Amino acid sequence: MQVKEHNNQELKEEFVNLASQWIQEVEGMSSTVEMSKHPAYQKIVSMGQAVIPLLLEDLRQNPIYWLPALRQITQENPVQPEQRGKVKQMAEAWLNWGKQHGYIV
């Protein structure tokens, strides 16, 4: 059990480091498409399903950042057409999705 806990801690540390690097390096960019092409962002996406709970938790504070990553990793999009462009509603749709799929409480 400790091995899994240790791996989760390592995953969280890697996520936090990559997210911090990404945020610093894309500061001032206006295009979320360009922001999501950044190597640190792509590295987070490449972490796969294991990073979904971390993305969802961070989504609470940074609603727009992780929407493309979640779509890319899960190949799903719980956002309804009427919610598109409404960042808080889009984030809420993903948080509800995360709860329904057991990623967050």
N, C-alpha and C. Protein backbone atom coordinates (compact mmCIF):
# COMPACT_ATOMS: atom_id res chain seq x y z
N MET A 1 0.82 -1.20 0.00
CA MET A 1 0.00 0.00 0.00
C MET A 1 0.87 1.26 0.00
N GLN A 2 1.98 1.23 0.68
CA GLN A 2 2.84 2.41 0.73
C GLN A 2 3.45 2.73 -0.63
N VAL A 3 3.70 1.70 -1.43
CA VAL A 3 4.26 1.93 -2.76
C VAL A 3 3.29 2.76 -3.59
N LYS A 4 2.01 2.39 -3.55
CA LYS A 4 0.99 3.13 -4.30
C LYS A 4 0.91 4.57 -3.79
N GLU A 5 0.92 4.75 -2.48
CA GLU A 5 0.87 6.08 -1.89
C GLU A 5 2.07 6.90 -2.33
N HIS A 6 3.24 6.27 -2.35
CA HIS A 6 4.46 6.93 -2.76
C HIS A 6 4.36 7.36 -4.23
N ASN A 7 3.84 6.47 -5.08
CA ASN A 7 3.67 6.79 -6.50
C ASN A 7 2.68 7.93 -6.68
N ASN A 8 1.60 7.94 -5.88
CA ASN A 8 0.63 9.03 -5.96
C ASN A 8 1.28 10.36 -5.59
N GLN A 9 2.14 10.33 -4.57
CA GLN A 9 2.83 11.54 -4.14
C GLN A 9 3.79 12.01 -5.24
N GLU A 10 4.50 11.08 -5.84
CA GLU A 10 5.40 11.43 -6.95
C GLU A 10 4.62 12.02 -8.12
N LEU A 11 3.50 11.42 -8.44
CA LEU A 11 2.65 11.90 -9.53
C LEU A 11 2.18 13.32 -9.23
N LYS A 12 1.74 13.54 -8.00
CA LYS A 12 1.25 14.88 -7.61
C LYS A 12 2.39 15.90 -7.71
N GLU A 13 3.57 15.54 -7.23
CA GLU A 13 4.72 16.45 -7.30
C GLU A 13 5.08 16.77 -8.75
N GLU A 14 5.09 15.76 -9.59
CA GLU A 14 5.40 15.98 -11.00
C GLU A 14 4.34 16.89 -11.63
N PHE A 15 3.08 16.63 -11.32
CA PHE A 15 2.00 17.46 -11.85
C PHE A 15 2.18 18.91 -11.41
N VAL A 16 2.40 19.13 -10.12
CA VAL A 16 2.55 20.49 -9.58
C VAL A 16 3.73 21.19 -10.24
N ASN A 17 4.85 20.49 -10.39
CA ASN A 17 6.03 21.08 -11.02
C ASN A 17 5.76 21.44 -12.48
N LEU A 18 5.17 20.52 -13.21
CA LEU A 18 4.87 20.78 -14.63
C LEU A 18 3.85 21.90 -14.78
N ALA A 19 2.82 21.88 -13.94
CA ALA A 19 1.78 22.92 -14.00
C ALA A 19 2.38 24.29 -13.70
N SER A 20 3.25 24.37 -12.70
CA SER A 20 3.90 25.64 -12.35
C SER A 20 4.77 26.14 -13.50
N GLN A 21 5.55 25.22 -14.07
CA GLN A 21 6.41 25.58 -15.20
C GLN A 21 5.54 26.09 -16.36
N TRP A 22 4.49 25.36 -16.66
CA TRP A 22 3.60 25.72 -17.76
C TRP A 22 2.98 27.10 -17.53
N ILE A 23 2.44 27.33 -16.34
CA ILE A 23 1.78 28.61 -16.04
C ILE A 23 2.77 29.76 -16.19
N GLN A 24 4.00 29.58 -15.69
CA GLN A 24 5.01 30.63 -15.82
C GLN A 24 5.34 30.92 -17.28
N GLU A 25 5.49 29.86 -18.06
CA GLU A 25 5.96 30.03 -19.43
C GLU A 25 4.89 30.46 -20.42
N VAL A 26 3.62 30.28 -20.08
CA VAL A 26 2.56 30.71 -21.01
C VAL A 26 1.88 32.00 -20.54
N GLU A 27 2.39 32.56 -19.46
CA GLU A 27 1.81 33.80 -18.94
C GLU A 27 1.77 34.86 -20.04
N GLY A 28 0.63 35.47 -20.19
CA GLY A 28 0.49 36.51 -21.21
C GLY A 28 -0.06 36.01 -22.54
N MET A 29 -0.05 34.69 -22.74
CA MET A 29 -0.64 34.14 -23.97
C MET A 29 -2.16 34.24 -23.88
N SER A 30 -2.78 34.55 -24.99
CA SER A 30 -4.24 34.64 -24.96
C SER A 30 -4.92 33.42 -25.57
N SER A 31 -4.19 32.66 -26.35
CA SER A 31 -4.77 31.50 -27.03
C SER A 31 -4.62 30.23 -26.18
N THR A 32 -5.77 29.67 -25.75
CA THR A 32 -5.70 28.42 -24.99
C THR A 32 -5.20 27.28 -25.88
N VAL A 33 -5.42 27.39 -27.18
CA VAL A 33 -4.91 26.36 -28.11
C VAL A 33 -3.38 26.37 -28.08
N GLU A 34 -2.79 27.55 -28.17
CA GLU A 34 -1.32 27.66 -28.10
C GLU A 34 -0.81 27.23 -26.74
N MET A 35 -1.52 27.64 -25.68
CA MET A 35 -1.11 27.27 -24.33
C MET A 35 -1.08 25.76 -24.16
N SER A 36 -2.07 25.08 -24.75
CA SER A 36 -2.15 23.63 -24.57
C SER A 36 -1.15 22.86 -25.43
N LYS A 37 -0.46 23.55 -26.33
CA LYS A 37 0.58 22.91 -27.14
C LYS A 37 1.94 22.92 -26.43
N HIS A 38 2.03 23.64 -25.33
CA HIS A 38 3.29 23.76 -24.59
C HIS A 38 3.76 22.38 -24.12
N PRO A 39 5.07 22.12 -24.19
CA PRO A 39 5.60 20.79 -23.79
C PRO A 39 5.22 20.35 -22.37
N ALA A 40 5.20 21.26 -21.41
CA ALA A 40 4.84 20.87 -20.03
C ALA A 40 3.37 20.44 -19.97
N TYR A 41 2.51 21.13 -20.69
CA TYR A 41 1.09 20.78 -20.74
C TYR A 41 0.92 19.41 -21.39
N GLN A 42 1.64 19.20 -22.48
CA GLN A 42 1.55 17.91 -23.17
C GLN A 42 2.10 16.78 -22.31
N LYS A 43 3.10 17.07 -21.50
CA LYS A 43 3.64 16.06 -20.58
C LYS A 43 2.58 15.69 -19.54
N ILE A 44 1.83 16.69 -19.06
CA ILE A 44 0.74 16.42 -18.11
C ILE A 44 -0.29 15.53 -18.78
N VAL A 45 -0.67 15.86 -20.01
CA VAL A 45 -1.65 15.05 -20.74
C VAL A 45 -1.14 13.62 -20.90
N SER A 46 0.16 13.48 -21.15
CA SER A 46 0.74 12.14 -21.37
C SER A 46 0.75 11.30 -20.09
N MET A 47 0.51 11.92 -18.95
CA MET A 47 0.44 11.18 -17.68
C MET A 47 -0.84 10.33 -17.64
N GLY A 48 -1.78 10.63 -18.51
CA GLY A 48 -2.97 9.80 -18.68
C GLY A 48 -3.97 9.87 -17.56
N GLN A 49 -4.75 8.80 -17.43
CA GLN A 49 -5.87 8.78 -16.49
C GLN A 49 -5.46 8.98 -15.04
N ALA A 50 -4.23 8.64 -14.70
CA ALA A 50 -3.77 8.80 -13.32
C ALA A 50 -3.81 10.26 -12.87
N VAL A 51 -3.71 11.18 -13.80
CA VAL A 51 -3.65 12.60 -13.46
C VAL A 51 -5.06 13.25 -13.42
N ILE A 52 -6.08 12.54 -13.84
CA ILE A 52 -7.44 13.10 -13.89
C ILE A 52 -7.88 13.69 -12.54
N PRO A 53 -7.72 12.98 -11.41
CA PRO A 53 -8.15 13.58 -10.13
C PRO A 53 -7.43 14.90 -9.82
N LEU A 54 -6.15 14.98 -10.18
CA LEU A 54 -5.40 16.21 -9.93
C LEU A 54 -5.90 17.34 -10.83
N LEU A 55 -6.18 17.02 -12.08
CA LEU A 55 -6.72 18.02 -13.00
C LEU A 55 -8.07 18.54 -12.50
N LEU A 56 -8.92 17.63 -12.06
CA LEU A 56 -10.25 18.02 -11.58
C LEU A 56 -10.15 18.88 -10.32
N GLU A 57 -9.26 18.51 -9.41
CA GLU A 57 -9.08 19.32 -8.20
C GLU A 57 -8.59 20.72 -8.56
N ASP A 58 -7.63 20.81 -9.46
CA ASP A 58 -7.08 22.10 -9.85
C ASP A 58 -8.10 22.91 -10.64
N LEU A 59 -8.99 22.22 -11.32
CA LEU A 59 -10.03 22.88 -12.11
C LEU A 59 -10.90 23.78 -11.24
N ARG A 60 -11.02 23.45 -9.97
CA ARG A 60 -11.82 24.27 -9.05
C ARG A 60 -11.24 25.69 -8.94
N GLN A 61 -9.91 25.81 -8.95
CA GLN A 61 -9.27 27.11 -8.83
C GLN A 61 -8.99 27.75 -10.20
N ASN A 62 -8.70 26.93 -11.19
CA ASN A 62 -8.30 27.42 -12.51
C ASN A 62 -9.22 26.80 -13.56
N PRO A 63 -10.45 27.29 -13.64
CA PRO A 63 -11.45 26.61 -14.47
C PRO A 63 -11.09 26.42 -15.93
N ILE A 64 -10.34 27.31 -16.53
CA ILE A 64 -10.14 27.17 -17.97
C ILE A 64 -8.94 26.31 -18.33
N TYR A 65 -7.95 26.25 -17.48
CA TYR A 65 -6.67 25.61 -17.84
C TYR A 65 -6.78 24.17 -18.31
N TRP A 66 -7.56 23.37 -17.61
CA TRP A 66 -7.47 21.93 -17.81
C TRP A 66 -8.58 21.33 -18.67
N LEU A 67 -9.46 22.15 -19.19
CA LEU A 67 -10.55 21.61 -20.01
C LEU A 67 -10.03 20.85 -21.23
N PRO A 68 -9.09 21.42 -22.00
CA PRO A 68 -8.57 20.65 -23.16
C PRO A 68 -7.86 19.36 -22.74
N ALA A 69 -7.12 19.40 -21.64
CA ALA A 69 -6.40 18.21 -21.17
C ALA A 69 -7.38 17.10 -20.81
N LEU A 70 -8.43 17.46 -20.11
CA LEU A 70 -9.44 16.46 -19.72
C LEU A 70 -10.09 15.84 -20.95
N ARG A 71 -10.42 16.66 -21.93
CA ARG A 71 -11.02 16.13 -23.15
C ARG A 71 -10.05 15.19 -23.86
N GLN A 72 -8.78 15.60 -23.91
CA GLN A 72 -7.78 14.79 -24.60
C GLN A 72 -7.55 13.44 -23.91
N ILE A 73 -7.46 13.46 -22.59
CA ILE A 73 -7.18 12.24 -21.84
C ILE A 73 -8.38 11.30 -21.85
N THR A 74 -9.57 11.85 -21.60
CA THR A 74 -10.75 11.00 -21.43
C THR A 74 -11.46 10.67 -22.73
N GLN A 75 -11.20 11.46 -23.76
CA GLN A 75 -11.93 11.33 -25.03
C GLN A 75 -13.43 11.53 -24.81
N GLU A 76 -13.76 12.31 -23.81
CA GLU A 76 -15.15 12.62 -23.50
C GLU A 76 -15.31 14.13 -23.42
N ASN A 77 -16.55 14.59 -23.45
CA ASN A 77 -16.84 16.01 -23.27
C ASN A 77 -18.23 16.15 -22.67
N PRO A 78 -18.30 16.29 -21.32
CA PRO A 78 -19.59 16.39 -20.66
C PRO A 78 -20.25 17.77 -20.79
N VAL A 79 -19.56 18.71 -21.43
CA VAL A 79 -20.08 20.07 -21.56
C VAL A 79 -21.22 20.09 -22.58
N GLN A 80 -22.35 20.62 -22.16
CA GLN A 80 -23.52 20.72 -23.03
C GLN A 80 -23.35 21.93 -23.96
N PRO A 81 -23.98 21.88 -25.14
CA PRO A 81 -23.84 22.99 -26.10
C PRO A 81 -24.15 24.36 -25.49
N GLU A 82 -25.15 24.43 -24.63
CA GLU A 82 -25.50 25.73 -24.04
C GLU A 82 -24.49 26.22 -23.00
N GLN A 83 -23.58 25.33 -22.58
CA GLN A 83 -22.55 25.71 -21.60
C GLN A 83 -21.26 26.19 -22.27
N ARG A 84 -21.11 25.94 -23.55
CA ARG A 84 -19.87 26.30 -24.24
C ARG A 84 -19.60 27.79 -24.12
N GLY A 85 -18.36 28.12 -23.82
CA GLY A 85 -17.98 29.52 -23.68
C GLY A 85 -18.22 30.09 -22.30
N LYS A 86 -18.90 29.33 -21.45
CA LYS A 86 -19.17 29.75 -20.06
C LYS A 86 -18.27 28.92 -19.16
N VAL A 87 -17.11 29.48 -18.87
CA VAL A 87 -16.03 28.73 -18.22
C VAL A 87 -16.47 28.06 -16.92
N LYS A 88 -17.17 28.79 -16.06
CA LYS A 88 -17.57 28.20 -14.78
C LYS A 88 -18.54 27.03 -14.99
N GLN A 89 -19.46 27.16 -15.93
CA GLN A 89 -20.40 26.07 -16.21
C GLN A 89 -19.67 24.88 -16.85
N MET A 90 -18.69 25.16 -17.70
CA MET A 90 -17.92 24.09 -18.32
C MET A 90 -17.14 23.33 -17.24
N ALA A 91 -16.52 24.07 -16.33
CA ALA A 91 -15.77 23.44 -15.23
C ALA A 91 -16.72 22.62 -14.36
N GLU A 92 -17.88 23.15 -14.08
CA GLU A 92 -18.87 22.44 -13.25
C GLU A 92 -19.29 21.13 -13.92
N ALA A 93 -19.46 21.17 -15.25
CA ALA A 93 -19.82 19.95 -15.99
C ALA A 93 -18.73 18.89 -15.81
N TRP A 94 -17.47 19.31 -15.88
CA TRP A 94 -16.37 18.36 -15.70
C TRP A 94 -16.29 17.86 -14.26
N LEU A 95 -16.52 18.74 -13.30
CA LEU A 95 -16.50 18.31 -11.90
C LEU A 95 -17.62 17.31 -11.63
N ASN A 96 -18.78 17.54 -12.18
CA ASN A 96 -19.87 16.57 -12.04
C ASN A 96 -19.50 15.25 -12.70
N TRP A 97 -18.89 15.32 -13.87
CA TRP A 97 -18.42 14.12 -14.56
C TRP A 97 -17.43 13.36 -13.66
N GLY A 98 -16.50 14.10 -13.05
CA GLY A 98 -15.51 13.48 -12.16
C GLY A 98 -16.14 12.78 -10.98
N LYS A 99 -17.18 13.39 -10.42
CA LYS A 99 -17.89 12.77 -9.30
C LYS A 99 -18.60 11.50 -9.77
N GLN A 100 -19.28 11.58 -10.90
CA GLN A 100 -20.02 10.41 -11.43
C GLN A 100 -19.09 9.26 -11.75
N HIS A 101 -17.87 9.55 -12.15
CA HIS A 101 -16.92 8.51 -12.52
C HIS A 101 -15.96 8.14 -11.39
N GLY A 102 -16.19 8.69 -10.18
CA GLY A 102 -15.41 8.30 -9.02
C GLY A 102 -14.01 8.88 -8.93
N TYR A 103 -13.74 9.93 -9.71
CA TYR A 103 -12.39 10.55 -9.65
C TYR A 103 -12.25 11.53 -8.49
N ILE A 104 -13.36 12.15 -8.11
CA ILE A 104 -13.36 13.10 -6.99
C ILE A 104 -14.63 12.86 -6.16
N VAL A 105 -14.59 13.38 -4.95
CA VAL A 105 -15.73 13.21 -4.05
C VAL A 105 -16.61 14.46 -4.09
